[in-house]
Amino acid sequence: MRTFFIIWLGQVVSIIGSGLTAFGLAVWIFEQTGQATPFALTIMFANLPRILLSPLAGALADRWNRRRIMILADTGSAVITLSAFFLLTFGQLAVWHIYVIATLYAILGAFQEPAYTASITMLVPAKELARANGLMQMSQALEMLIAPLLAGVLFVAIGLRGIILVDFITFFFAVGTLLLVHIPQPRQHMAALAGGEKSLWRDALFGWQYLRARTGLLGLLLYFALVNFFLNFAAVLTGPLVLSFSTASALGAVQSVAGVGMLVGSIGISAWGGPKRRMPAVIGFITLAAVGLFVVGLEASTWVVSAGFFLLMFSVPFASGISQTVFQSKVAADVQGRVFATRGMISRSMMPLAFLLAGPLADRVFEPLFRQGGALSTTPLGILIGTGPGRGIGFLFMVCGLILVVASGLAWIAPRIRRLEDELPDAAPAAEEAAGAEAAVAAT
């Protein structure tokens, strides 16, 4: 775990730095425009390139040296950050520059992510994979907790230029740790490099073909895509839900509680290491997350909403970390870049749909149903959860939670998903395989 921990530590510092810039630029956009549309466009530009480039990036992650890909991606991100600093310093920064910056970050992230994820299998023993995945979840939780609080303080103290400069400095931690370590390449990857070139586009399609041939893995992926869809529903509607009955400070408190829940869950899976039987745990923790989603919508109360989000975000690191361990143990090391890139593409493809549907469904369908005099306002359901602003959104949260509970039940009764661990053999332990491959190379 030592080499992995060194890399992880550098990436955590860099992720928090990027979170500072994201917060600062969001404030800057609002000051410049006072509109919500630029935020939505920034989110779109930050995600669309990852979706479109994932197959190609995954193929290259399996062909090229993964450590070098990560170094180049982090270096490129640092250059982009420095460019934003100079644009702001000379008074040339415009909103359209933010769209370009978000797009370039996303392009580099599309290549960095599969290289990083596939490298974990080469560094960590199989029994420690869940713990390593828990640490990766923890990095996201730390960003959720630390970046907004620190950025708020720094924005007042040193301004946006200072924040961007701090972010630029954090990239040296990411690149520096990568320069200090060695990430072995899988045996098959070394053989492929010596045995001639294959079609890059055929490699890009390989991830989908690999999953389609393994029904259990594909079923698990589609299950998680559905989960991701409804969680992004929650992300979009959290602000309108809380602000419908309380203040911006209450929204900040809810988000902080959610971050604490994710951090506690990340620490929990990192310390535990995961169960021997993983599929029941994956489905069980997703069901627990669905219960949290249901609780969020029960009552127009900061305490109830916070409790629901704590339960939801506490469950996510367990479900995500254990699921990642299943993929790492079942997918051969030399194709993980392609397979994991396809996995990310399918999962993220649900995000734009969630963003597009959540607002109209809340504003035009569910909110009118629970207004005073609405179609459901005088029914037992309206009496139970209440009427007025935000109650339609609350009901939408409850519906999403119930759908995920039903989906979890269907996943459990699906034999290919439930028996995935038994029916699909484990791939060769990657770390040991790499050691043997490098020993063979050294001997020649």
Protein backbone atom coordinates (compact mmCIF):
# COMPACT_ATOMS: atom_id res chain seq x y z
CA MET A 1 0.00 0.00 0.00
CA ARG A 2 2.96 2.38 0.46
CA THR A 3 3.38 3.36 -3.20
CA PHE A 4 -0.38 3.71 -3.65
CA PHE A 5 -0.62 5.87 -0.53
CA ILE A 6 2.11 8.21 -1.79
CA ILE A 7 0.27 8.68 -5.11
CA TRP A 8 -3.08 9.04 -3.33
CA LEU A 9 -1.73 11.73 -1.01
CA GLY A 10 -0.46 13.82 -3.93
CA GLN A 11 -3.76 13.44 -5.76
CA VAL A 12 -5.76 14.45 -2.66
CA VAL A 13 -3.81 17.71 -2.34
CA SER A 14 -4.35 18.41 -6.05
CA ILE A 15 -8.08 17.54 -5.90
CA ILE A 16 -8.61 19.94 -3.00
CA GLY A 17 -6.72 22.63 -4.93
CA SER A 18 -8.96 22.06 -7.95
CA GLY A 19 -11.97 22.31 -5.65
CA LEU A 20 -10.76 25.72 -4.49
CA THR A 21 -10.59 26.99 -8.07
CA ALA A 22 -14.01 25.50 -8.91
CA PHE A 23 -15.56 27.32 -5.95
CA GLY A 24 -13.80 30.59 -6.74
CA LEU A 25 -14.77 30.52 -10.42
CA ALA A 26 -18.39 29.74 -9.47
CA VAL A 27 -18.48 32.87 -7.32
CA TRP A 28 -16.82 34.87 -10.11
CA ILE A 29 -19.37 33.65 -12.69
CA PHE A 30 -22.26 34.64 -10.45
CA GLU A 31 -20.75 38.08 -9.84
CA GLN A 32 -20.31 38.58 -13.58
CA THR A 33 -23.68 37.24 -14.81
CA GLY A 34 -26.11 36.75 -11.90
CA GLN A 35 -27.59 33.85 -13.88
CA ALA A 36 -27.87 30.09 -13.43
CA THR A 37 -27.39 29.14 -17.09
CA PRO A 38 -23.59 29.63 -17.07
CA PHE A 39 -23.36 27.17 -14.16
CA ALA A 40 -25.31 24.54 -16.10
CA LEU A 41 -23.17 25.10 -19.18
CA THR A 42 -19.98 24.80 -17.12
CA ILE A 43 -21.20 21.47 -15.70
CA MET A 44 -21.99 20.26 -19.22
CA PHE A 45 -18.56 21.25 -20.56
CA ALA A 46 -16.93 19.60 -17.55
CA ASN A 47 -18.64 16.25 -18.22
CA LEU A 48 -19.34 15.86 -21.93
CA PRO A 49 -15.68 15.41 -23.03
CA ARG A 50 -15.20 12.70 -20.40
CA ILE A 51 -18.18 10.81 -21.79
CA LEU A 52 -17.14 11.14 -25.44
CA LEU A 53 -13.41 10.46 -24.96
CA SER A 54 -13.60 7.65 -22.41
CA PRO A 55 -13.25 4.71 -24.86
CA LEU A 56 -10.24 6.27 -26.61
CA ALA A 57 -8.64 7.30 -23.31
CA GLY A 58 -9.09 3.82 -21.89
CA ALA A 59 -7.48 2.22 -24.94
CA LEU A 60 -4.47 4.51 -24.60
CA ALA A 61 -4.25 3.80 -20.86
CA ASP A 62 -3.75 0.12 -21.74
CA ARG A 63 -1.26 0.87 -24.52
CA TRP A 64 0.89 3.54 -22.89
CA ASN A 65 2.73 3.87 -19.61
CA ARG A 66 0.01 4.76 -17.09
CA ARG A 67 2.33 6.74 -14.82
CA ARG A 68 3.40 8.97 -17.71
CA ILE A 69 -0.22 9.55 -18.71
CA MET A 70 -0.99 10.74 -15.19
CA ILE A 71 2.06 13.01 -15.12
CA LEU A 72 1.19 14.55 -18.48
CA ALA A 73 -2.47 15.04 -17.49
CA ASP A 74 -1.56 16.72 -14.19
CA THR A 75 1.06 18.89 -15.90
CA GLY A 76 -1.44 19.94 -18.55
CA SER A 77 -3.99 20.84 -15.87
CA ALA A 78 -1.35 22.96 -14.14
CA VAL A 79 -0.67 24.85 -17.39
CA ILE A 80 -4.41 25.50 -17.85
CA THR A 81 -4.67 26.77 -14.27
CA LEU A 82 -1.72 29.11 -14.81
CA SER A 83 -3.34 30.39 -18.00
CA ALA A 84 -6.50 31.23 -16.05
CA PHE A 85 -4.35 33.09 -13.52
CA PHE A 86 -2.77 35.27 -16.22
CA LEU A 87 -6.11 35.93 -17.92
CA LEU A 88 -7.54 37.12 -14.61
CA THR A 89 -4.43 39.14 -13.73
CA PHE A 90 -4.55 41.12 -16.99
CA GLY A 91 -8.33 41.57 -16.84
CA GLN A 92 -9.01 39.39 -19.88
CA LEU A 93 -10.94 36.53 -18.25
CA ALA A 94 -14.42 36.11 -19.75
CA VAL A 95 -17.22 33.63 -19.09
CA TRP A 96 -16.54 31.82 -22.36
CA HIS A 97 -12.97 31.25 -21.14
CA ILE A 98 -14.44 29.28 -18.22
CA TYR A 99 -16.23 26.99 -20.70
CA VAL A 100 -12.94 26.39 -22.54
CA ILE A 101 -11.08 25.80 -19.27
CA ALA A 102 -13.72 23.32 -18.07
CA THR A 103 -13.54 21.49 -21.42
CA LEU A 104 -9.74 21.23 -21.34
CA TYR A 105 -9.78 20.02 -17.73
CA ALA A 106 -12.35 17.38 -18.72
CA ILE A 107 -10.27 16.20 -21.69
CA LEU A 108 -7.20 15.71 -19.51
CA GLY A 109 -9.30 14.11 -16.79
CA ALA A 110 -10.68 11.63 -19.32
CA PHE A 111 -7.13 10.32 -19.84
CA GLN A 112 -5.98 10.62 -16.23
CA GLU A 113 -8.86 8.74 -14.62
CA PRO A 114 -8.57 5.32 -16.35
CA ALA A 115 -4.77 5.40 -15.97
CA TYR A 116 -5.11 6.13 -12.24
CA THR A 117 -7.86 3.56 -11.63
CA ALA A 118 -6.10 0.79 -13.57
CA SER A 119 -2.83 1.52 -11.75
CA ILE A 120 -4.36 0.67 -8.37
CA THR A 121 -4.67 -2.99 -9.31
CA MET A 122 -0.97 -3.06 -10.15
CA LEU A 123 0.07 -1.60 -6.79
CA VAL A 124 -2.28 -3.06 -4.19
CA PRO A 125 -2.67 -6.72 -3.14
CA ALA A 126 -6.10 -8.18 -3.92
CA LYS A 127 -7.08 -8.33 -0.24
CA GLU A 128 -6.39 -4.58 0.14
CA LEU A 129 -8.31 -3.37 -2.93
CA ALA A 130 -11.45 -2.41 -1.01
CA ARG A 131 -9.35 -0.42 1.45
CA ALA A 132 -7.61 1.41 -1.40
CA ASN A 133 -10.94 2.15 -3.07
CA GLY A 134 -12.20 3.49 0.26
CA LEU A 135 -9.28 5.91 0.32
CA MET A 136 -10.22 7.10 -3.17
CA GLN A 137 -13.75 7.74 -1.96
CA MET A 138 -12.26 9.58 1.00
CA SER A 139 -10.47 11.99 -1.35
CA GLN A 140 -13.84 13.05 -2.77
CA ALA A 141 -15.27 13.45 0.72
CA LEU A 142 -12.30 15.59 1.77
CA GLU A 143 -12.83 17.81 -1.26
CA MET A 144 -16.53 18.20 -0.38
CA LEU A 145 -15.65 19.19 3.17
CA ILE A 146 -12.43 21.16 2.91
CA ALA A 147 -12.55 22.93 -0.46
CA PRO A 148 -15.72 25.05 0.06
CA LEU A 149 -14.78 26.06 3.61
CA LEU A 150 -11.17 26.87 2.74
CA ALA A 151 -12.12 28.61 -0.50
CA GLY A 152 -14.61 30.82 1.34
CA VAL A 153 -11.87 31.97 3.71
CA LEU A 154 -9.26 32.38 0.97
CA PHE A 155 -11.64 34.26 -1.34
CA VAL A 156 -11.90 37.01 1.28
CA ALA A 157 -8.21 36.89 2.24
CA ILE A 158 -6.39 36.58 -1.10
CA GLY A 159 -9.09 36.78 -3.77
CA LEU A 160 -9.65 34.61 -6.83
CA ARG A 161 -6.13 35.14 -8.19
CA GLY A 162 -4.65 33.88 -4.94
CA ILE A 163 -6.93 30.84 -4.96
CA ILE A 164 -5.92 29.93 -8.53
CA LEU A 165 -2.26 30.32 -7.59
CA VAL A 166 -2.72 27.99 -4.61
CA ASP A 167 -4.36 25.47 -6.96
CA PHE A 168 -1.37 25.74 -9.33
CA ILE A 169 1.02 24.97 -6.46
CA THR A 170 -0.97 21.86 -5.49
CA PHE A 171 -0.26 20.31 -8.89
CA PHE A 172 3.39 20.04 -7.86
CA PHE A 173 2.31 17.63 -5.12
CA ALA A 174 0.50 15.42 -7.63
CA VAL A 175 3.32 15.40 -10.19
CA GLY A 176 6.04 15.22 -7.53
CA THR A 177 4.64 12.09 -5.90
CA LEU A 178 4.29 10.42 -9.32
CA LEU A 179 7.94 11.20 -10.07
CA LEU A 180 8.94 9.52 -6.81
CA VAL A 181 7.26 6.17 -7.43
CA HIS A 182 7.23 3.33 -9.94
CA ILE A 183 3.97 1.91 -11.32
CA PRO A 184 4.50 -1.51 -12.92
CA GLN A 185 2.81 -2.40 -16.21
CA PRO A 186 0.83 -5.65 -16.57
CA ARG A 187 2.53 -8.60 -18.28
CA GLN A 188 0.10 -8.69 -21.22
CA HIS A 189 0.61 -5.00 -21.79
CA MET A 190 4.37 -5.47 -22.10
CA ALA A 191 3.87 -8.35 -24.50
CA ALA A 192 1.46 -6.29 -26.62
CA LEU A 193 3.99 -3.48 -26.91
CA ALA A 194 6.55 -5.92 -28.25
CA GLY A 195 4.12 -7.83 -30.47
CA GLY A 196 2.89 -5.18 -32.88
CA GLU A 197 0.13 -2.61 -33.05
CA LYS A 198 -3.61 -3.25 -33.05
CA SER A 199 -6.28 -0.89 -34.27
CA LEU A 200 -6.74 1.89 -31.73
CA TRP A 201 -10.43 2.18 -32.56
CA ARG A 202 -10.91 -1.55 -32.15
CA ASP A 203 -9.28 -1.24 -28.75
CA ALA A 204 -11.64 1.62 -27.93
CA LEU A 205 -14.63 -0.67 -28.60
CA PHE A 206 -13.07 -3.52 -26.68
CA GLY A 207 -14.31 -2.34 -23.27
CA TRP A 208 -17.94 -2.62 -24.34
CA GLN A 209 -17.36 -6.02 -25.97
CA TYR A 210 -15.60 -7.28 -22.84
CA LEU A 211 -18.50 -6.27 -20.61
CA ARG A 212 -21.17 -7.54 -22.99
CA ALA A 213 -19.53 -10.98 -22.92
CA ARG A 214 -19.71 -10.98 -19.10
CA THR A 215 -23.38 -10.56 -18.31
CA GLY A 216 -22.90 -10.22 -14.57
CA LEU A 217 -20.47 -7.30 -14.86
CA LEU A 218 -22.68 -5.60 -17.45
CA GLY A 219 -25.74 -6.04 -15.23
CA LEU A 220 -23.88 -4.57 -12.26
CA LEU A 221 -22.79 -1.62 -14.41
CA LEU A 222 -26.34 -0.92 -15.63
CA TYR A 223 -27.58 -1.15 -12.04
CA PHE A 224 -25.02 1.46 -11.00
CA ALA A 225 -25.92 3.65 -13.98
CA LEU A 226 -29.50 3.74 -12.68
CA VAL A 227 -28.24 4.58 -9.19
CA ASN A 228 -26.06 7.36 -10.62
CA PHE A 229 -29.05 8.77 -12.48
CA PHE A 230 -31.15 9.17 -9.33
CA LEU A 231 -28.25 10.44 -7.22
CA ASN A 232 -27.72 13.21 -9.76
CA PHE A 233 -31.41 13.97 -9.50
CA ALA A 234 -30.76 14.56 -5.82
CA ALA A 235 -27.69 16.70 -6.51
CA VAL A 236 -29.64 19.01 -8.81
CA LEU A 237 -32.68 19.38 -6.55
CA THR A 238 -30.99 19.63 -3.15
CA GLY A 239 -30.67 23.43 -3.32
CA PRO A 240 -34.29 24.07 -4.39
CA LEU A 241 -35.56 21.62 -1.77
CA VAL A 242 -33.77 23.18 1.19
CA LEU A 243 -34.19 26.78 0.07
CA SER A 244 -37.93 26.23 -0.34
CA PHE A 245 -38.33 26.15 3.45
CA SER A 246 -35.07 27.51 4.90
CA THR A 247 -32.02 29.71 4.25
CA ALA A 248 -28.73 29.48 2.39
CA SER A 249 -26.93 28.81 5.68
CA ALA A 250 -29.18 25.79 6.21
CA LEU A 251 -28.26 24.55 2.73
CA GLY A 252 -24.59 24.89 3.65
CA ALA A 253 -25.23 22.91 6.83
CA VAL A 254 -26.96 20.14 4.88
CA GLN A 255 -24.07 19.94 2.42
CA SER A 256 -21.57 19.81 5.27
CA VAL A 257 -23.48 16.97 6.95
CA ALA A 258 -23.52 15.11 3.61
CA GLY A 259 -19.76 15.60 3.34
CA VAL A 260 -19.26 14.29 6.88
CA GLY A 261 -21.38 11.25 6.04
CA MET A 262 -19.25 10.48 3.00
CA LEU A 263 -16.06 10.97 4.99
CA VAL A 264 -17.24 8.63 7.76
CA GLY A 265 -18.25 6.03 5.19
CA SER A 266 -14.91 6.35 3.40
CA ILE A 267 -13.01 5.88 6.65
CA GLY A 268 -15.24 2.92 7.45
CA ILE A 269 -14.60 1.02 4.20
CA SER A 270 -10.89 1.87 4.34
CA ALA A 271 -10.58 0.49 7.87
CA TRP A 272 -12.82 -2.52 7.25
CA GLY A 273 -11.49 -3.60 3.88
CA GLY A 274 -14.85 -5.00 2.77
CA PRO A 275 -16.58 -8.38 3.20
CA LYS A 276 -15.65 -11.69 1.63
CA ARG A 277 -19.03 -11.85 -0.12
CA ARG A 278 -19.18 -8.57 -1.99
CA MET A 279 -22.37 -8.62 -4.05
CA PRO A 280 -24.78 -8.80 -1.07
CA ALA A 281 -22.88 -5.88 0.49
CA VAL A 282 -23.04 -3.80 -2.71
CA ILE A 283 -26.80 -4.27 -3.09
CA GLY A 284 -27.37 -3.84 0.65
CA PHE A 285 -25.53 -0.51 0.88
CA ILE A 286 -27.28 0.83 -2.23
CA THR A 287 -30.59 -0.10 -0.59
CA LEU A 288 -29.48 1.79 2.52
CA ALA A 289 -28.60 4.80 0.34
CA ALA A 290 -32.09 4.58 -1.21
CA VAL A 291 -33.61 4.69 2.28
CA GLY A 292 -31.61 7.86 2.94
CA LEU A 293 -32.91 9.37 -0.30
CA PHE A 294 -36.46 8.56 0.81
CA VAL A 295 -35.90 10.14 4.24
CA VAL A 296 -34.67 13.39 2.63
CA GLY A 297 -38.13 14.00 1.17
CA LEU A 298 -40.20 13.09 4.23
CA GLU A 299 -40.44 16.47 5.93
CA ALA A 300 -39.57 20.13 5.36
CA SER A 301 -37.02 20.09 8.15
CA THR A 302 -33.29 20.79 8.06
CA TRP A 303 -32.75 18.03 10.62
CA VAL A 304 -34.67 15.41 8.64
CA VAL A 305 -33.06 16.37 5.33
CA SER A 306 -29.60 16.34 6.94
CA ALA A 307 -30.23 12.90 8.47
CA GLY A 308 -31.33 11.53 5.09
CA PHE A 309 -28.29 12.94 3.31
CA PHE A 310 -25.94 11.64 6.01
CA LEU A 311 -27.34 8.12 5.56
CA LEU A 312 -27.21 8.46 1.77
CA MET A 313 -23.64 9.71 1.58
CA PHE A 314 -22.45 7.33 4.32
CA SER A 315 -23.60 4.40 2.17
CA VAL A 316 -22.08 5.60 -1.12
CA PRO A 317 -18.38 4.88 -0.32
CA PHE A 318 -19.23 1.34 0.81
CA ALA A 319 -21.29 0.55 -2.29
CA SER A 320 -18.92 2.26 -4.72
CA GLY A 321 -15.71 0.98 -3.13
CA ILE A 322 -16.86 -2.64 -2.91
CA SER A 323 -18.25 -2.52 -6.46
CA GLN A 324 -14.94 -1.15 -7.72
CA THR A 325 -13.19 -4.04 -5.98
CA VAL A 326 -15.44 -6.51 -7.83
CA PHE A 327 -14.45 -4.99 -11.18
CA GLN A 328 -10.76 -4.88 -10.25
CA SER A 329 -10.75 -8.53 -9.22
CA LYS A 330 -12.76 -9.80 -12.21
CA VAL A 331 -11.22 -7.74 -15.05
CA ALA A 332 -7.76 -8.65 -16.37
CA ALA A 333 -5.12 -6.06 -15.49
CA ASP A 334 -4.01 -5.38 -19.06
CA VAL A 335 -7.52 -4.35 -20.22
CA GLN A 336 -8.68 -2.43 -17.16
CA GLY A 337 -8.01 0.93 -18.79
CA ARG A 338 -10.45 0.17 -21.60
CA VAL A 339 -13.05 -1.58 -19.44
CA PHE A 340 -13.01 1.04 -16.68
CA ALA A 341 -13.23 3.84 -19.26
CA THR A 342 -16.32 2.20 -20.78
CA ARG A 343 -17.74 1.75 -17.31
CA GLY A 344 -17.25 5.45 -16.56
CA MET A 345 -18.72 6.48 -19.90
CA ILE A 346 -21.91 4.48 -19.39
CA SER A 347 -22.26 5.68 -15.82
CA ARG A 348 -21.71 9.35 -16.69
CA SER A 349 -23.99 9.21 -19.71
CA MET A 350 -26.93 9.28 -17.28
CA MET A 351 -25.82 12.58 -15.72
CA PRO A 352 -26.90 14.98 -18.53
CA LEU A 353 -30.29 13.23 -18.69
CA ALA A 354 -30.74 13.69 -14.94
CA PHE A 355 -29.81 17.37 -15.22
CA LEU A 356 -32.27 17.88 -18.08
CA LEU A 357 -35.21 16.06 -16.47
CA ALA A 358 -34.92 17.02 -12.80
CA GLY A 359 -35.85 20.70 -13.12
CA PRO A 360 -38.84 20.33 -15.46
CA LEU A 361 -40.25 17.37 -13.52
CA ALA A 362 -39.98 19.29 -10.25
CA ASP A 363 -41.29 22.63 -11.57
CA ARG A 364 -44.02 21.46 -13.94
CA VAL A 365 -45.22 18.15 -12.51
CA PHE A 366 -44.50 17.46 -8.85
CA GLU A 367 -44.53 20.97 -7.35
CA PRO A 368 -47.97 21.84 -8.83
CA LEU A 369 -49.39 18.58 -7.46
CA PHE A 370 -48.58 19.58 -3.87
CA ARG A 371 -49.37 23.30 -3.98
CA GLN A 372 -52.35 24.62 -2.07
CA GLY A 373 -55.29 23.43 -4.16
CA GLY A 374 -53.09 21.04 -6.16
CA ALA A 375 -54.35 17.65 -7.32
CA LEU A 376 -52.72 15.80 -4.40
CA SER A 377 -52.88 18.52 -1.74
CA THR A 378 -56.04 17.19 -0.06
CA THR A 379 -55.30 13.48 -0.49
CA PRO A 380 -53.89 11.33 2.33
CA LEU A 381 -50.50 11.60 0.63
CA GLY A 382 -50.67 15.40 0.65
CA ILE A 383 -51.71 15.40 4.29
CA LEU A 384 -48.88 13.00 5.16
CA ILE A 385 -45.94 14.86 3.57
CA GLY A 386 -47.45 18.35 3.58
CA THR A 387 -48.24 20.93 0.92
CA GLY A 388 -46.63 24.12 -0.24
CA PRO A 389 -43.27 25.06 -1.78
CA GLY A 390 -40.75 22.21 -1.90
CA ARG A 391 -43.18 19.43 -1.02
CA GLY A 392 -43.40 18.27 -4.63
CA ILE A 393 -39.60 18.06 -4.74
CA GLY A 394 -39.67 16.18 -1.44
CA PHE A 395 -42.12 13.67 -2.91
CA LEU A 396 -39.84 13.31 -5.94
CA PHE A 397 -36.99 12.37 -3.58
CA MET A 398 -39.23 9.75 -1.99
CA VAL A 399 -40.20 8.33 -5.38
CA CYS A 400 -36.54 8.11 -6.40
CA GLY A 401 -35.73 6.28 -3.16
CA LEU A 402 -38.54 3.78 -3.70
CA ILE A 403 -37.47 3.14 -7.31
CA LEU A 404 -33.92 2.40 -6.13
CA VAL A 405 -35.22 0.00 -3.49
CA VAL A 406 -37.19 -1.85 -6.20
CA ALA A 407 -34.15 -1.78 -8.52
CA SER A 408 -32.02 -3.27 -5.72
CA GLY A 409 -34.55 -6.04 -5.30
CA LEU A 410 -34.47 -6.78 -9.02
CA ALA A 411 -30.67 -6.78 -8.97
CA TRP A 412 -30.72 -9.31 -6.14
CA ILE A 413 -33.08 -11.70 -7.89
CA ALA A 414 -31.12 -11.41 -11.17
CA PRO A 415 -28.97 -14.57 -11.08
CA ARG A 416 -26.11 -13.20 -13.21
CA ILE A 417 -25.63 -10.26 -10.83
CA ARG A 418 -26.20 -12.14 -7.57
CA ARG A 419 -23.88 -15.02 -8.55
CA LEU A 420 -21.29 -12.81 -10.25
CA GLU A 421 -18.53 -13.69 -7.77
CA ASP A 422 -19.10 -17.43 -8.21
CA GLU A 423 -19.69 -17.60 -11.97
CA LEU A 424 -16.92 -15.27 -13.14
CA PRO A 425 -13.40 -16.33 -12.11
CA ASP A 426 -10.98 -13.83 -10.64
CA ALA A 427 -8.34 -12.38 -12.94
CA ALA A 428 -4.71 -13.09 -12.09
CA PRO A 429 -3.54 -10.97 -9.13
CA ALA A 430 -2.15 -7.96 -10.94
CA ALA A 431 0.52 -6.88 -8.46
CA GLU A 432 2.06 -10.34 -8.35
CA GLU A 433 1.74 -10.66 -12.13
CA ALA A 434 3.58 -7.39 -12.65
CA ALA A 435 6.37 -8.47 -10.34
CA GLY A 436 6.80 -11.67 -12.32
CA ALA A 437 6.73 -9.82 -15.62
CA GLU A 438 9.38 -7.34 -14.53
CA ALA A 439 11.53 -10.14 -13.19
CA ALA A 440 11.30 -11.85 -16.59
CA VAL A 441 12.23 -8.63 -18.37
CA ALA A 442 15.19 -8.14 -16.04
CA ALA A 443 16.38 -11.69 -16.69
CA THR A 444 16.50 -11.07 -20.44
